[in-house]
Amino acid sequence: MTGSTPKRTALIWMLALAGLVLAGLMASMLGRSAPATQAAIGDQLRPDLVTLPPSGLSISNAKRKTKDLRFAYSAENRGAGVLELTWKSEDCDGDGVVSNDRTATQRIYKDFNGDGYFTRGTDTAYDTQKVGCFVFHPKHHHWHLENFARYELRDLTGALVGTTDKVSFCITDSVRTKPQLDGSPTSKYFATCSRDGDQGLSIGWTDTYGAQLEGQAITLDSSAAGTFCLVEAADPLNHIAESNDSNNVTGIQVTISGTTATPGGSC
């Protein structure tokens, strides 16, 4: 092999860089980041929860001393693995009562054939880890995973204006938003949140909580006005094993004036 000239070396690097850029672009178009390493048999196939921008903003209860900023929340699974949560009947919250809660455990499936994504019935081996408690939600009339989301409203200096208590979720497949992802099932797998049922979010599916539901509001002083940053986060306590935690939080600007809430750009 002959030695490389400086021009030849530069050309090789340019071609290599172009290949990396093209791979990243292709992966971006598919809704998934380019893999850092080749998939291998036995690798964990983790979900990737992505918080989508809030929608459906409005102001309610404006005639009281306080008013509510209402909004919808959506978490999408863009990972190579399913988010699957099962339960164990035990006293999870330490109140001495077994019947009112369940320990929630995540199943993290392993890649059986090295194809890099989860296939139900093929990838059957899994690791487990505890992720918190399932509790009965009396206003929604089904079981929720505690601490699945958190919402904050901050002014443009970053100061906290309002927040929610811990937000629990019945995690189900609501809408198939990324059908192009490998391993995305054509029909919903997680559909109910019963006392003795599993919860979760399939690859390429999104769970959306509408603005009208209990818990989807931040209570503010009735005089609150101006432009703020509404921040939403999935898995704020980092209990769930994911392939990427950096996209769990999103925020948009919201301008509040009287009884209106107008969304703006990201913040």
Protein backbone atom coordinates (compact mmCIF):
# COMPACT_ATOMS: atom_id res chain seq x y z
CA MET A 1 0.00 0.00 0.00
CA THR A 2 1.46 3.39 -0.98
CA GLY A 3 1.66 6.30 1.43
CA SER A 4 -1.20 8.87 1.48
CA THR A 5 -0.67 12.41 0.27
CA PRO A 6 -2.11 15.28 2.37
CA LYS A 7 -4.84 15.84 -0.27
CA ARG A 8 -5.73 12.12 -0.26
CA THR A 9 -5.87 12.07 3.56
CA ALA A 10 -8.11 15.13 3.63
CA LEU A 11 -10.42 13.54 1.03
CA ILE A 12 -10.70 10.36 3.10
CA TRP A 13 -11.64 12.38 6.19
CA MET A 14 -14.19 14.41 4.22
CA LEU A 15 -15.82 11.25 2.89
CA ALA A 16 -15.89 9.70 6.35
CA LEU A 17 -17.43 12.85 7.82
CA ALA A 18 -20.04 12.94 5.06
CA GLY A 19 -20.95 9.35 5.85
CA LEU A 20 -21.43 10.16 9.53
CA VAL A 21 -23.56 13.19 8.73
CA LEU A 22 -25.69 11.13 6.33
CA ALA A 23 -26.15 8.39 8.95
CA GLY A 24 -27.19 10.97 11.54
CA LEU A 25 -29.61 12.60 9.10
CA MET A 26 -31.18 9.27 8.19
CA ALA A 27 -31.57 8.37 11.86
CA SER A 28 -33.08 11.78 12.61
CA MET A 29 -35.62 11.30 9.83
CA LEU A 30 -36.58 8.00 11.40
CA GLY A 31 -37.06 9.65 14.78
CA ARG A 32 -34.13 7.89 16.47
CA SER A 33 -30.53 8.91 17.09
CA ALA A 34 -27.79 7.02 15.26
CA PRO A 35 -26.64 3.99 17.30
CA ALA A 36 -23.28 4.43 19.00
CA THR A 37 -22.44 0.72 18.78
CA GLN A 38 -23.62 -2.31 16.84
CA ALA A 39 -26.50 -4.18 18.46
CA ALA A 40 -25.50 -7.44 20.09
CA ILE A 41 -27.32 -10.48 21.42
CA GLY A 42 -28.14 -9.97 25.10
CA ASP A 43 -28.12 -6.15 24.99
CA GLN A 44 -30.79 -4.41 27.04
CA LEU A 45 -33.52 -2.90 24.88
CA ARG A 46 -34.50 0.21 26.81
CA PRO A 47 -37.34 2.64 26.15
CA ASP A 48 -36.68 6.32 25.48
CA LEU A 49 -39.33 8.61 26.94
CA VAL A 50 -39.59 11.91 25.08
CA THR A 51 -41.76 14.70 26.49
CA LEU A 52 -43.59 16.42 23.64
CA PRO A 53 -44.43 20.15 23.82
CA PRO A 54 -47.55 20.88 25.92
CA SER A 55 -50.76 21.64 24.06
CA GLY A 56 -54.37 22.61 24.72
CA LEU A 57 -53.50 25.58 26.94
CA SER A 58 -56.34 27.47 28.61
CA ILE A 59 -57.30 29.33 31.78
CA SER A 60 -60.11 28.04 33.99
CA ASN A 61 -61.70 29.10 37.30
CA ALA A 62 -60.74 32.70 36.52
CA LYS A 63 -63.53 34.18 38.68
CA ARG A 64 -62.01 32.84 41.89
CA LYS A 65 -59.08 34.21 43.90
CA THR A 66 -56.93 31.78 41.96
CA LYS A 67 -56.99 30.54 38.38
CA ASP A 68 -55.78 27.34 36.76
CA LEU A 69 -53.44 27.09 33.80
CA ARG A 70 -54.58 23.91 32.06
CA PHE A 71 -52.64 21.92 29.44
CA ALA A 72 -52.19 18.48 27.93
CA TYR A 73 -49.14 16.29 28.48
CA SER A 74 -47.72 13.70 26.06
CA ALA A 75 -44.89 11.21 26.54
CA GLU A 76 -43.62 9.35 23.46
CA ASN A 77 -41.49 6.19 23.41
CA ARG A 78 -38.79 6.54 20.75
CA GLY A 79 -36.56 3.83 22.15
CA ALA A 80 -35.55 0.40 20.91
CA GLY A 81 -37.37 -1.18 23.82
CA VAL A 82 -40.83 -1.23 25.32
CA LEU A 83 -41.65 0.50 28.60
CA GLU A 84 -43.31 -2.35 30.49
CA LEU A 85 -44.31 -2.11 34.14
CA THR A 86 -45.62 -5.03 36.16
CA TRP A 87 -46.70 -5.19 39.79
CA LYS A 88 -46.26 -7.02 43.06
CA SER A 89 -48.85 -7.05 45.84
CA GLU A 90 -47.10 -5.56 48.85
CA ASP A 91 -47.11 -2.46 51.04
CA CYS A 92 -45.27 -0.08 48.74
CA ASP A 93 -45.92 3.24 50.50
CA GLY A 94 -45.25 2.03 54.06
CA ASP A 95 -48.69 2.78 55.49
CA GLY A 96 -49.19 -0.79 56.67
CA VAL A 97 -51.98 -1.50 54.18
CA VAL A 98 -51.31 -3.93 51.33
CA SER A 99 -54.58 -3.54 49.42
CA ASN A 100 -54.25 0.14 48.45
CA ASP A 101 -51.00 0.01 46.50
CA ARG A 102 -48.66 -2.18 44.45
CA THR A 103 -44.88 -2.17 43.94
CA ALA A 104 -44.17 -1.22 40.32
CA THR A 105 -41.36 -3.08 38.57
CA GLN A 106 -39.89 -2.37 35.14
CA ARG A 107 -39.10 -5.25 32.81
CA ILE A 108 -36.06 -4.40 30.67
CA TYR A 109 -36.02 -6.91 27.83
CA LYS A 110 -32.84 -8.28 26.25
CA ASP A 111 -32.13 -8.60 22.54
CA PHE A 112 -32.45 -12.30 21.65
CA ASN A 113 -31.35 -12.12 18.02
CA GLY A 114 -29.23 -8.97 17.87
CA ASP A 115 -31.56 -7.02 15.59
CA GLY A 116 -31.45 -3.99 17.89
CA TYR A 117 -35.13 -3.61 18.78
CA PHE A 118 -37.79 -5.32 20.90
CA THR A 119 -40.10 -7.92 19.37
CA ARG A 120 -42.77 -9.40 21.61
CA GLY A 121 -42.59 -13.18 21.68
CA THR A 122 -39.00 -13.19 20.41
CA ASP A 123 -37.23 -11.15 23.08
CA THR A 124 -38.47 -12.88 26.23
CA ALA A 125 -35.57 -12.64 28.71
CA TYR A 126 -35.44 -9.51 30.84
CA ASP A 127 -33.87 -7.73 33.79
CA THR A 128 -36.03 -6.02 36.42
CA GLN A 129 -35.84 -3.00 38.68
CA LYS A 130 -38.29 -1.33 41.04
CA VAL A 131 -39.57 2.04 39.81
CA GLY A 132 -42.04 3.09 42.53
CA CYS A 133 -45.67 2.49 43.47
CA PHE A 134 -48.94 1.86 41.71
CA VAL A 135 -51.82 3.50 43.59
CA PHE A 136 -55.56 3.76 42.97
CA HIS A 137 -56.61 7.17 41.66
CA PRO A 138 -60.16 7.82 42.97
CA LYS A 139 -60.99 10.57 40.45
CA HIS A 140 -59.73 8.64 37.41
CA HIS A 141 -61.09 5.33 38.74
CA HIS A 142 -58.05 3.25 37.86
CA TRP A 143 -54.48 2.57 38.96
CA HIS A 144 -51.60 5.01 38.39
CA LEU A 145 -47.82 4.94 38.60
CA GLU A 146 -46.78 7.65 41.05
CA ASN A 147 -44.22 10.33 40.13
CA PHE A 148 -44.40 9.75 36.39
CA ALA A 149 -44.45 13.45 35.48
CA ARG A 150 -43.85 16.91 36.90
CA TYR A 151 -45.02 20.34 35.73
CA GLU A 152 -43.58 23.76 36.60
CA LEU A 153 -44.29 27.34 35.59
CA ARG A 154 -41.34 29.73 35.81
CA ASP A 155 -40.88 33.37 34.95
CA LEU A 156 -38.28 34.33 32.36
CA THR A 157 -35.62 34.78 35.06
CA GLY A 158 -36.09 31.13 36.06
CA ALA A 159 -37.94 31.82 39.31
CA LEU A 160 -40.63 29.28 40.19
CA VAL A 161 -44.16 30.67 39.88
CA GLY A 162 -46.22 27.51 40.29
CA THR A 163 -45.92 23.75 40.26
CA THR A 164 -47.91 20.57 40.67
CA ASP A 165 -47.66 17.94 43.34
CA LYS A 166 -46.34 14.58 42.19
CA VAL A 167 -48.24 13.64 39.03
CA SER A 168 -49.31 10.02 38.68
CA PHE A 169 -50.22 8.38 35.38
CA CYS A 170 -52.13 5.46 34.00
CA ILE A 171 -49.55 4.65 31.31
CA THR A 172 -51.09 3.26 28.13
CA ASP A 173 -50.68 3.28 24.36
CA SER A 174 -52.86 6.23 23.30
CA VAL A 175 -51.70 7.10 19.76
CA ARG A 176 -49.16 5.51 17.41
CA THR A 177 -47.09 8.56 16.54
CA LYS A 178 -43.87 6.96 15.22
CA PRO A 179 -44.97 3.96 13.09
CA GLN A 180 -41.66 4.06 11.20
CA LEU A 181 -39.67 2.92 14.25
CA ASP A 182 -38.45 -0.68 14.20
CA GLY A 183 -40.52 -2.78 16.58
CA SER A 184 -43.52 -0.42 16.71
CA PRO A 185 -46.69 -2.59 16.96
CA THR A 186 -49.57 -1.75 14.66
CA SER A 187 -52.14 -1.99 17.45
CA LYS A 188 -52.00 -0.87 21.08
CA TYR A 189 -50.73 -3.44 23.56
CA PHE A 190 -51.23 -1.48 26.81
CA ALA A 191 -54.86 -0.40 26.96
CA THR A 192 -56.09 -0.53 30.57
CA CYS A 193 -54.89 0.27 34.08
CA SER A 194 -56.57 -2.31 36.26
CA ARG A 195 -55.49 -3.31 39.75
CA ASP A 196 -53.77 -6.49 38.57
CA GLY A 197 -52.70 -5.47 35.07
CA ASP A 198 -49.44 -4.33 33.51
CA GLN A 199 -48.94 -0.78 32.26
CA GLY A 200 -46.56 0.60 29.67
CA LEU A 201 -45.78 2.32 26.41
CA SER A 202 -44.92 0.48 23.21
CA ILE A 203 -42.23 1.56 20.75
CA GLY A 204 -43.50 4.40 18.58
CA TRP A 205 -46.57 5.06 20.74
CA THR A 206 -47.52 8.14 22.78
CA ASP A 207 -49.50 8.42 26.00
CA THR A 208 -51.46 11.69 26.17
CA TYR A 209 -53.28 13.15 29.16
CA GLY A 210 -55.82 15.73 28.03
CA ALA A 211 -55.98 19.20 29.51
CA GLN A 212 -59.42 18.51 30.99
CA LEU A 213 -58.22 15.67 33.24
CA GLU A 214 -57.61 15.96 36.96
CA GLY A 215 -54.00 16.93 37.69
CA GLN A 216 -53.41 18.69 34.36
CA ALA A 217 -53.27 22.20 35.80
CA ILE A 218 -51.08 24.60 37.73
CA THR A 219 -52.95 26.88 40.15
CA LEU A 220 -51.91 30.55 40.05
CA ASP A 221 -52.87 33.77 41.76
CA SER A 222 -55.79 35.40 39.92
CA SER A 223 -53.59 38.40 39.09
CA ALA A 224 -50.87 36.31 37.40
CA ALA A 225 -50.05 37.78 34.00
CA GLY A 226 -47.14 38.03 31.60
CA THR A 227 -44.91 35.59 29.74
CA PHE A 228 -43.72 32.46 31.50
CA CYS A 229 -42.03 29.15 30.76
CA LEU A 230 -44.16 26.03 31.18
CA VAL A 231 -41.87 23.05 31.83
CA GLU A 232 -42.97 19.41 31.68
CA ALA A 233 -40.82 16.42 32.64
CA ALA A 234 -41.23 12.66 32.35
CA ASP A 235 -39.83 10.42 35.10
CA PRO A 236 -38.56 13.41 37.16
CA LEU A 237 -37.05 11.14 39.85
CA ASN A 238 -35.19 9.08 37.22
CA HIS A 239 -36.63 5.76 38.42
CA ILE A 240 -37.17 4.31 34.93
CA ALA A 241 -34.26 2.78 32.99
CA GLU A 242 -34.01 4.53 29.62
CA SER A 243 -31.56 4.73 26.73
CA ASN A 244 -31.62 8.54 26.86
CA ASP A 245 -32.61 10.78 29.78
CA SER A 246 -31.71 14.09 28.11
CA ASN A 247 -35.04 14.45 26.26
CA ASN A 248 -37.36 13.90 29.24
CA VAL A 249 -37.90 17.65 29.76
CA THR A 250 -39.42 20.23 27.44
CA GLY A 251 -40.68 23.77 27.86
CA ILE A 252 -42.61 26.40 25.93
CA GLN A 253 -43.31 30.07 26.54
CA VAL A 254 -46.84 30.89 27.65
CA THR A 255 -48.30 34.39 27.72
CA ILE A 256 -51.09 34.74 30.27
CA SER A 257 -53.48 37.68 29.99
CA GLY A 258 -56.72 37.62 31.93
CA THR A 259 -58.55 34.46 30.91
CA THR A 260 -56.33 33.53 27.97
CA ALA A 261 -53.12 31.52 27.71
CA THR A 262 -51.23 31.84 24.43
CA PRO A 263 -48.39 29.41 23.59
CA GLY A 264 -45.12 30.67 22.14
CA GLY A 265 -41.71 29.31 21.25
CA SER A 266 -39.52 26.96 23.23
CA CYS A 267 -37.79 28.09 26.40
